[in-house]
């Protein structure tokens, strides 16, 4: 009888320790946090690219397009 009680106590201690370890591991996972961090970085990069290249009259793309159009016009003007 004494051995069965000791076995029960040791088994329950192991079970409780294992269960607490699993709960601790589940609480310490940071997969979701990492995904949120990557999303924030992607939004920041998108905002930066939109600011640099943008759209409208003052954008980088518009300035480059205008310069190439002017260059093309100047080159065409020099041909006989």
PDB file of N, CA and C in Angstrom:
ATOM      1  N   UNK A   1       0.819  -1.183   0.000  1.00  0.00           N
ATOM      2  CA  UNK A   1       0.000   0.000   0.000  1.00  0.00           C
ATOM      3  C   UNK A   1       0.871   1.258   0.000  1.00  0.00           C
ATOM      4  N   UNK A   2       1.940   1.209   0.779  1.00  0.00           N
ATOM      5  CA  UNK A   2       2.843   2.355   0.878  1.00  0.00           C
ATOM      6  C   UNK A   2       3.492   2.640  -0.478  1.00  0.00           C
ATOM      7  N   UNK A   3       3.844   1.590  -1.217  1.00  0.00           N
ATOM      8  CA  UNK A   3       4.458   1.760  -2.538  1.00  0.00           C
ATOM      9  C   UNK A   3       3.484   2.393  -3.528  1.00  0.00           C
ATOM     10  N   UNK A   4       2.211   2.011  -3.447  1.00  0.00           N
ATOM     11  CA  UNK A   4       1.206   2.575  -4.346  1.00  0.00           C
ATOM     12  C   UNK A   4       1.009   4.063  -4.063  1.00  0.00           C
ATOM     13  N   UNK A   5       1.031   4.439  -2.810  1.00  0.00           N
ATOM     14  CA  UNK A   5       0.878   5.854  -2.446  1.00  0.00           C
ATOM     15  C   UNK A   5       2.085   6.641  -2.942  1.00  0.00           C
ATOM     16  N   UNK A   6       3.269   6.107  -2.735  1.00  0.00           N
ATOM     17  CA  UNK A   6       4.487   6.784  -3.200  1.00  0.00           C
ATOM     18  C   UNK A   6       4.491   6.902  -4.726  1.00  0.00           C
ATOM     19  N   UNK A   7       4.051   5.846  -5.404  1.00  0.00           N
ATOM     20  CA  UNK A   7       3.963   5.881  -6.854  1.00  0.00           C
ATOM     21  C   UNK A   7       2.983   6.965  -7.302  1.00  0.00           C
ATOM     22  N   UNK A   8       1.852   7.057  -6.621  1.00  0.00           N
ATOM     23  CA  UNK A   8       0.852   8.068  -6.953  1.00  0.00           C
ATOM     24  C   UNK A   8       1.380   9.480  -6.739  1.00  0.00           C
ATOM     25  N   UNK A   9       2.132   9.688  -5.643  1.00  0.00           N
ATOM     26  CA  UNK A   9       2.694  11.011  -5.355  1.00  0.00           C
ATOM     27  C   UNK A   9       3.732  11.384  -6.405  1.00  0.00           C
ATOM     28  N   UNK A  10       4.623  10.471  -6.729  1.00  0.00           N
ATOM     29  CA  UNK A  10       5.665  10.746  -7.722  1.00  0.00           C
ATOM     30  C   UNK A  10       5.036  10.970  -9.096  1.00  0.00           C
ATOM     31  N   UNK A  11       4.060  10.154  -9.463  1.00  0.00           N
ATOM     32  CA  UNK A  11       3.398  10.303 -10.758  1.00  0.00           C
ATOM     33  C   UNK A  11       2.696  11.653 -10.850  1.00  0.00           C
ATOM     34  N   UNK A  12       2.003  12.049  -9.787  1.00  0.00           N
ATOM     35  CA  UNK A  12       1.283  13.327  -9.822  1.00  0.00           C
ATOM     36  C   UNK A  12       2.257  14.500  -9.867  1.00  0.00           C
ATOM     37  N   UNK A  13       3.388  14.395  -9.177  1.00  0.00           N
ATOM     38  CA  UNK A  13       4.397  15.468  -9.245  1.00  0.00           C
ATOM     39  C   UNK A  13       4.955  15.588 -10.663  1.00  0.00           C
ATOM     40  N   UNK A  14       5.235  14.459 -11.285  1.00  0.00           N
ATOM     41  CA  UNK A  14       5.731  14.478 -12.663  1.00  0.00           C
ATOM     42  C   UNK A  14       4.687  15.064 -13.613  1.00  0.00           C
ATOM     43  N   UNK A  15       3.434  14.677 -13.431  1.00  0.00           N
ATOM     44  CA  UNK A  15       2.359  15.174 -14.283  1.00  0.00           C
ATOM     45  C   UNK A  15       2.184  16.682 -14.127  1.00  0.00           C
ATOM     46  N   UNK A  16       2.200  17.155 -12.892  1.00  0.00           N
ATOM     47  CA  UNK A  16       2.059  18.590 -12.641  1.00  0.00           C
ATOM     48  C   UNK A  16       3.255  19.346 -13.214  1.00  0.00           C
ATOM     49  N   UNK A  17       4.453  18.827 -13.024  1.00  0.00           N
ATOM     50  CA  UNK A  17       5.653  19.474 -13.565  1.00  0.00           C
ATOM     51  C   UNK A  17       5.630  19.528 -15.083  1.00  0.00           C
ATOM     52  N   UNK A  18       5.202  18.451 -15.704  1.00  0.00           N
ATOM     53  CA  UNK A  18       5.118  18.405 -17.163  1.00  0.00           C
ATOM     54  C   UNK A  18       4.054  19.368 -17.675  1.00  0.00           C
ATOM     55  N   UNK A  19       2.915  19.401 -17.024  1.00  0.00           N
ATOM     56  CA  UNK A  19       1.834  20.298 -17.442  1.00  0.00           C
ATOM     57  C   UNK A  19       2.247  21.758 -17.289  1.00  0.00           C
ATOM     58  N   UNK A  20       2.883  22.084 -16.176  1.00  0.00           N
ATOM     59  CA  UNK A  20       3.351  23.452 -15.978  1.00  0.00           C
ATOM     60  C   UNK A  20       4.420  23.823 -17.009  1.00  0.00           C
ATOM     61  N   UNK A  21       5.277  22.879 -17.364  1.00  0.00           N
ATOM     62  CA  UNK A  21       6.280  23.125 -18.393  1.00  0.00           C
ATOM     63  C   UNK A  21       5.653  23.408 -19.748  1.00  0.00           C
ATOM     64  N   UNK A  22       4.611  22.658 -20.105  1.00  0.00           N
ATOM     65  CA  UNK A  22       3.912  22.880 -21.378  1.00  0.00           C
ATOM     66  C   UNK A  22       3.226  24.239 -21.395  1.00  0.00           C
ATOM     67  N   UNK A  23       2.596  24.609 -20.288  1.00  0.00           N
ATOM     68  CA  UNK A  23       1.939  25.914 -20.203  1.00  0.00           C
ATOM     69  C   UNK A  23       2.962  27.031 -20.322  1.00  0.00           C
ATOM     70  N   UNK A  24       4.089  26.861 -19.645  1.00  0.00           N
ATOM     71  CA  UNK A  24       5.154  27.865 -19.705  1.00  0.00           C
ATOM     72  C   UNK A  24       5.672  28.020 -21.131  1.00  0.00           C
ATOM     73  N   UNK A  25       5.870  26.913 -21.845  1.00  0.00           N
ATOM     74  CA  UNK A  25       6.336  26.967 -23.239  1.00  0.00           C
ATOM     75  C   UNK A  25       5.322  27.653 -24.140  1.00  0.00           C
ATOM     76  N   UNK A  26       4.037  27.377 -23.943  1.00  0.00           N
ATOM     77  CA  UNK A  26       3.011  28.004 -24.766  1.00  0.00           C
ATOM     78  C   UNK A  26       2.940  29.511 -24.526  1.00  0.00           C
ATOM     79  N   UNK A  27       3.136  29.918 -23.278  1.00  0.00           N
ATOM     80  CA  UNK A  27       3.093  31.342 -22.965  1.00  0.00           C
ATOM     81  C   UNK A  27       4.330  32.086 -23.454  1.00  0.00           C
ATOM     82  N   UNK A  28       5.437  31.381 -23.605  1.00  0.00           N
ATOM     83  CA  UNK A  28       6.680  32.050 -24.000  1.00  0.00           C
ATOM     84  C   UNK A  28       6.892  32.083 -25.513  1.00  0.00           C
ATOM     85  N   UNK A  29       6.011  31.478 -26.291  1.00  0.00           N
ATOM     86  CA  UNK A  29       6.160  31.517 -27.750  1.00  0.00           C
ATOM     87  C   UNK A  29       5.928  32.923 -28.244  1.00  0.00           C
ATOM     88  N   UNK A  30       6.743  33.335 -29.203  1.00  0.00           N
ATOM     89  CA  UNK A  30       6.673  34.695 -29.716  1.00  0.00           C
ATOM     90  C   UNK A  30       6.436  34.729 -31.218  1.00  0.00           C
ATOM     91  N   UNK A  31       5.848  33.705 -31.782  1.00  0.00           N
ATOM     92  CA  UNK A  31       5.598  33.663 -33.222  1.00  0.00           C
ATOM     93  C   UNK A  31       4.686  34.800 -33.665  1.00  0.00           C
ATOM     94  N   UNK A  32       3.622  35.046 -32.919  1.00  0.00           N
ATOM     95  CA  UNK A  32       2.697  36.107 -33.260  1.00  0.00           C
ATOM     96  C   UNK A  32       3.335  37.479 -33.182  1.00  0.00           C
ATOM     97  N   UNK A  33       4.176  37.670 -32.176  1.00  0.00           N
ATOM     98  CA  UNK A  33       4.866  38.957 -32.009  1.00  0.00           C
ATOM     99  C   UNK A  33       5.800  39.194 -33.184  1.00  0.00           C
ATOM    100  N   UNK A  34       6.502  38.170 -33.623  1.00  0.00           N
ATOM    101  CA  UNK A  34       7.404  38.306 -34.759  1.00  0.00           C
ATOM    102  C   UNK A  34       6.626  38.660 -36.024  1.00  0.00           C
ATOM    103  N   UNK A  35       5.483  38.043 -36.231  1.00  0.00           N
ATOM    104  CA  UNK A  35       4.666  38.346 -37.401  1.00  0.00           C
ATOM    105  C   UNK A  35       4.199  39.798 -37.373  1.00  0.00           C
ATOM    106  N   UNK A  36       3.827  40.283 -36.206  1.00  0.00           N
ATOM    107  CA  UNK A  36       3.405  41.682 -36.077  1.00  0.00           C
ATOM    108  C   UNK A  36       4.574  42.613 -36.359  1.00  0.00           C
ATOM    109  N   UNK A  37       5.754  42.268 -35.871  1.00  0.00           N
ATOM    110  CA  UNK A  37       6.934  43.101 -36.136  1.00  0.00           C
ATOM    111  C   UNK A  37       7.224  43.183 -37.629  1.00  0.00           C
ATOM    112  N   UNK A  38       7.135  42.050 -38.326  1.00  0.00           N
ATOM    113  CA  UNK A  38       7.370  42.060 -39.772  1.00  0.00           C
ATOM    114  C   UNK A  38       6.312  42.889 -40.494  1.00  0.00           C
ATOM    115  N   UNK A  39       5.080  42.839 -40.032  1.00  0.00           N
ATOM    116  CA  UNK A  39       4.021  43.642 -40.649  1.00  0.00           C
ATOM    117  C   UNK A  39       4.296  45.133 -40.463  1.00  0.00           C
ATOM    118  N   UNK A  40       4.748  45.512 -39.275  1.00  0.00           N
ATOM    119  CA  UNK A  40       5.066  46.923 -39.013  1.00  0.00           C
ATOM    120  C   UNK A  40       6.223  47.374 -39.899  1.00  0.00           C
ATOM    121  N   UNK A  41       7.230  46.535 -40.062  1.00  0.00           N
ATOM    122  CA  UNK A  41       8.374  46.872 -40.921  1.00  0.00           C
ATOM    123  C   UNK A  41       7.915  47.017 -42.367  1.00  0.00           C
ATOM    124  N   UNK A  42       7.040  46.123 -42.832  1.00  0.00           N
ATOM    125  CA  UNK A  42       6.542  46.205 -44.210  1.00  0.00           C
ATOM    126  C   UNK A  42       5.755  47.493 -44.441  1.00  0.00           C
ATOM    127  N   UNK A  43       4.961  47.896 -43.471  1.00  0.00           N
ATOM    128  CA  UNK A  43       4.201  49.140 -43.596  1.00  0.00           C
ATOM    129  C   UNK A  43       5.145  50.340 -43.629  1.00  0.00           C
ATOM    130  N   UNK A  44       6.178  50.308 -42.794  1.00  0.00           N
ATOM    131  CA  UNK A  44       7.143  51.415 -42.773  1.00  0.00           C
ATOM    132  C   UNK A  44       7.880  51.523 -44.107  1.00  0.00           C
ATOM    133  N   UNK A  45       8.287  50.392 -44.670  1.00  0.00           N
ATOM    134  CA  UNK A  45       8.987  50.413 -45.958  1.00  0.00           C
ATOM    135  C   UNK A  45       8.051  50.902 -47.057  1.00  0.00           C
ATOM    136  N   UNK A  46       6.796  50.468 -47.027  1.00  0.00           N
ATOM    137  CA  UNK A  46       5.823  50.927 -48.026  1.00  0.00           C
ATOM    138  C   UNK A  46       5.612  52.432 -47.939  1.00  0.00           C
ATOM    139  N   UNK A  47       5.505  52.941 -46.729  1.00  0.00           N
ATOM    140  CA  UNK A  47       5.324  54.381 -46.548  1.00  0.00           C
ATOM    141  C   UNK A  47       6.544  55.151 -47.044  1.00  0.00           C
ATOM    142  N   UNK A  48       7.743  54.613 -46.788  1.00  0.00           N
ATOM    143  CA  UNK A  48       8.962  55.266 -47.248  1.00  0.00           C
ATOM    144  C   UNK A  48       9.014  55.290 -48.780  1.00  0.00           C
ATOM    145  N   UNK A  49       8.697  54.168 -49.413  1.00  0.00           N
ATOM    146  CA  UNK A  49       8.711  54.111 -50.878  1.00  0.00           C
ATOM    147  C   UNK A  49       7.669  55.042 -51.480  1.00  0.00           C
ATOM    148  N   UNK A  50       6.508  55.106 -50.858  1.00  0.00           N
ATOM    149  CA  UNK A  50       5.472  56.008 -51.352  1.00  0.00           C
ATOM    150  C   UNK A  50       5.908  57.464 -51.203  1.00  0.00           C
ATOM    151  N   UNK A  51       6.617  57.770 -50.121  1.00  0.00           N
ATOM    152  CA  UNK A  51       7.109  59.133 -49.914  1.00  0.00           C
ATOM    153  C   UNK A  51       8.176  59.488 -50.938  1.00  0.00           C
ATOM    154  N   UNK A  52       9.092  58.565 -51.202  1.00  0.00           N
ATOM    155  CA  UNK A  52      10.190  58.842 -52.130  1.00  0.00           C
ATOM    156  C   UNK A  52       9.681  58.899 -53.570  1.00  0.00           C
ATOM    157  N   UNK A  53       8.944  57.877 -53.987  1.00  0.00           N
ATOM    158  CA  UNK A  53       8.498  57.816 -55.376  1.00  0.00           C
ATOM    159  C   UNK A  53       7.176  58.539 -55.576  1.00  0.00           C
ATOM    160  N   UNK A  54       6.278  58.388 -54.649  1.00  0.00           N
ATOM    161  CA  UNK A  54       5.026  59.109 -54.614  1.00  0.00           C
ATOM    162  C   UNK A  54       4.229  59.118 -55.889  1.00  0.00           C
ATOM    163  N   UNK A  55       3.240  59.982 -55.910  1.00  0.00           N
ATOM    164  CA  UNK A  55       2.422  60.185 -57.101  1.00  0.00           C
ATOM    165  C   UNK A  55       1.981  61.641 -57.092  1.00  0.00           C
ATOM    166  N   UNK A  56       1.806  62.180 -58.262  1.00  0.00           N
ATOM    167  CA  UNK A  56       1.410  63.582 -58.350  1.00  0.00           C
ATOM    168  C   UNK A  56       2.491  64.413 -58.999  1.00  0.00           C
ATOM    169  N   UNK A  57       2.333  65.717 -58.937  1.00  0.00           N
ATOM    170  CA  UNK A  57       3.252  66.621 -59.627  1.00  0.00           C
ATOM    171  C   UNK A  57       4.637  66.682 -59.006  1.00  0.00           C
ATOM    172  N   UNK A  58       4.753  66.521 -57.709  1.00  0.00           N
ATOM    173  CA  UNK A  58       6.053  66.644 -57.056  1.00  0.00           C
ATOM    174  C   UNK A  58       6.764  65.327 -56.836  1.00  0.00           C
ATOM    175  N   UNK A  59       6.346  64.278 -57.513  1.00  0.00           N
ATOM    176  CA  UNK A  59       6.921  62.968 -57.256  1.00  0.00           C
ATOM    177  C   UNK A  59       8.232  62.758 -58.013  1.00  0.00           C
ATOM    178  N   UNK A  60       8.981  61.816 -57.542  1.00  0.00           N
ATOM    179  CA  UNK A  60      10.254  61.448 -58.145  1.00  0.00           C
ATOM    180  C   UNK A  60      10.039  60.908 -59.560  1.00  0.00           C
ATOM    181  N   UNK A  61       9.033  60.059 -59.720  1.00  0.00           N
ATOM    182  CA  UNK A  61       8.743  59.470 -61.029  1.00  0.00           C
ATOM    183  C   UNK A  61       8.377  60.560 -62.037  1.00  0.00           C
ATOM    184  N   UNK A  62       7.584  61.520 -61.624  1.00  0.00           N
ATOM    185  CA  UNK A  62       7.187  62.619 -62.512  1.00  0.00           C
ATOM    186  C   UNK A  62       8.410  63.438 -62.909  1.00  0.00           C
ATOM    187  N   UNK A  63       9.308  63.701 -61.957  1.00  0.00           N
ATOM    188  CA  UNK A  63      10.512  64.476 -62.264  1.00  0.00           C
ATOM    189  C   UNK A  63      11.403  63.734 -63.259  1.00  0.00           C
ATOM    190  N   UNK A  64      11.592  62.431 -63.060  1.00  0.00           N
ATOM    191  CA  UNK A  64      12.414  61.635 -63.985  1.00  0.00           C
ATOM    192  C   UNK A  64      11.769  61.602 -65.369  1.00  0.00           C
ATOM    193  N   UNK A  65      10.451  61.407 -65.438  1.00  0.00           N
ATOM    194  CA  UNK A  65       9.743  61.376 -66.719  1.00  0.00           C
ATOM    195  C   UNK A  65       9.885  62.705 -67.455  1.00  0.00           C
ATOM    196  N   UNK A  66       9.755  63.799 -66.735  1.00  0.00           N
ATOM    197  CA  UNK A  66       9.898  65.123 -67.357  1.00  0.00           C
ATOM    198  C   UNK A  66      11.313  65.337 -67.887  1.00  0.00           C
ATOM    199  N   UNK A  67      12.315  64.916 -67.127  1.00  0.00           N
ATOM    200  CA  UNK A  67      13.707  65.089 -67.571  1.00  0.00           C
ATOM    201  C   UNK A  67      13.994  64.256 -68.819  1.00  0.00           C
ATOM    202  N   UNK A  68      13.488  63.017 -68.854  1.00  0.00           N
ATOM    203  CA  UNK A  68      13.705  62.202 -70.043  1.00  0.00           C
ATOM    204  C   UNK A  68      12.960  62.773 -71.251  1.00  0.00           C
ATOM    205  N   UNK A  69      11.782  63.339 -71.024  1.00  0.00           N
ATOM    206  CA  UNK A  69      11.040  63.966 -72.128  1.00  0.00           C
ATOM    207  C   UNK A  69      11.816  65.167 -72.663  1.00  0.00           C
ATOM    208  N   UNK A  70      12.379  65.987 -71.776  1.00  0.00           N
ATOM    209  CA  UNK A  70      13.175  67.134 -72.177  1.00  0.00           C
ATOM    210  C   UNK A  70      14.428  66.691 -72.918  1.00  0.00           C
ATOM    211  N   UNK A  71      15.079  65.656 -72.421  1.00  0.00           N
ATOM    212  CA  UNK A  71      16.276  65.119 -73.066  1.00  0.00           C
ATOM    213  C   UNK A  71      15.933  64.591 -74.457  1.00  0.00           C
ATOM    214  N   UNK A  72      14.831  63.876 -74.566  1.00  0.00           N
ATOM    215  CA  UNK A  72      14.399  63.354 -75.858  1.00  0.00           C
ATOM    216  C   UNK A  72      14.088  64.490 -76.832  1.00  0.00           C
ATOM    217  N   UNK A  73      13.446  65.518 -76.355  1.00  0.00           N
ATOM    218  CA  UNK A  73      13.117  66.674 -77.195  1.00  0.00           C
ATOM    219  C   UNK A  73      14.388  67.370 -77.675  1.00  0.00           C
ATOM    220  N   UNK A  74      15.375  67.526 -76.771  1.00  0.00           N
ATOM    221  CA  UNK A  74      16.641  68.175 -77.138  1.00  0.00           C
ATOM    222  C   UNK A  74      17.417  67.352 -78.157  1.00  0.00           C
ATOM    223  N   UNK A  75      17.403  66.019 -77.980  1.00  0.00           N
ATOM    224  CA  UNK A  75      18.123  65.159 -78.933  1.00  0.00           C
ATOM    225  C   UNK A  75      17.445  65.220 -80.303  1.00  0.00           C
ATOM    226  N   UNK A  76      16.130  65.189 -80.345  1.00  0.00           N
ATOM    227  CA  UNK A  76      15.405  65.258 -81.611  1.00  0.00           C
ATOM    228  C   UNK A  76      15.645  66.592 -82.299  1.00  0.00           C
ATOM    229  N   UNK A  77      15.854  67.642 -81.514  1.00  0.00           N
ATOM    230  CA  UNK A  77      16.089  68.968 -82.083  1.00  0.00           C
ATOM    231  C   UNK A  77      17.464  69.099 -82.726  1.00  0.00           C
ATOM    232  N   UNK A  78      18.396  68.263 -82.371  1.00  0.00           N
ATOM    233  CA  UNK A  78      19.751  68.347 -82.926  1.00  0.00           C
ATOM    234  C   UNK A  78      19.926  67.528 -84.188  1.00  0.00           C
ATOM    235  N   UNK A  79      19.021  66.636 -84.473  1.00  0.00           N
ATOM    236  CA  UNK A  79      19.126  65.800 -85.676  1.00  0.00           C
ATOM    237  C   UNK A  79      18.709  66.607 -86.904  1.00  0.00           C
ATOM    238  N   UNK A  80      19.409  66.381 -88.042  1.00  0.00           N
ATOM    239  CA  UNK A  80      19.053  67.135 -89.258  1.00  0.00           C
ATOM    240  C   UNK A  80      17.765  66.694 -89.888  1.00  0.00           C
TER     241      UNK A  80
END
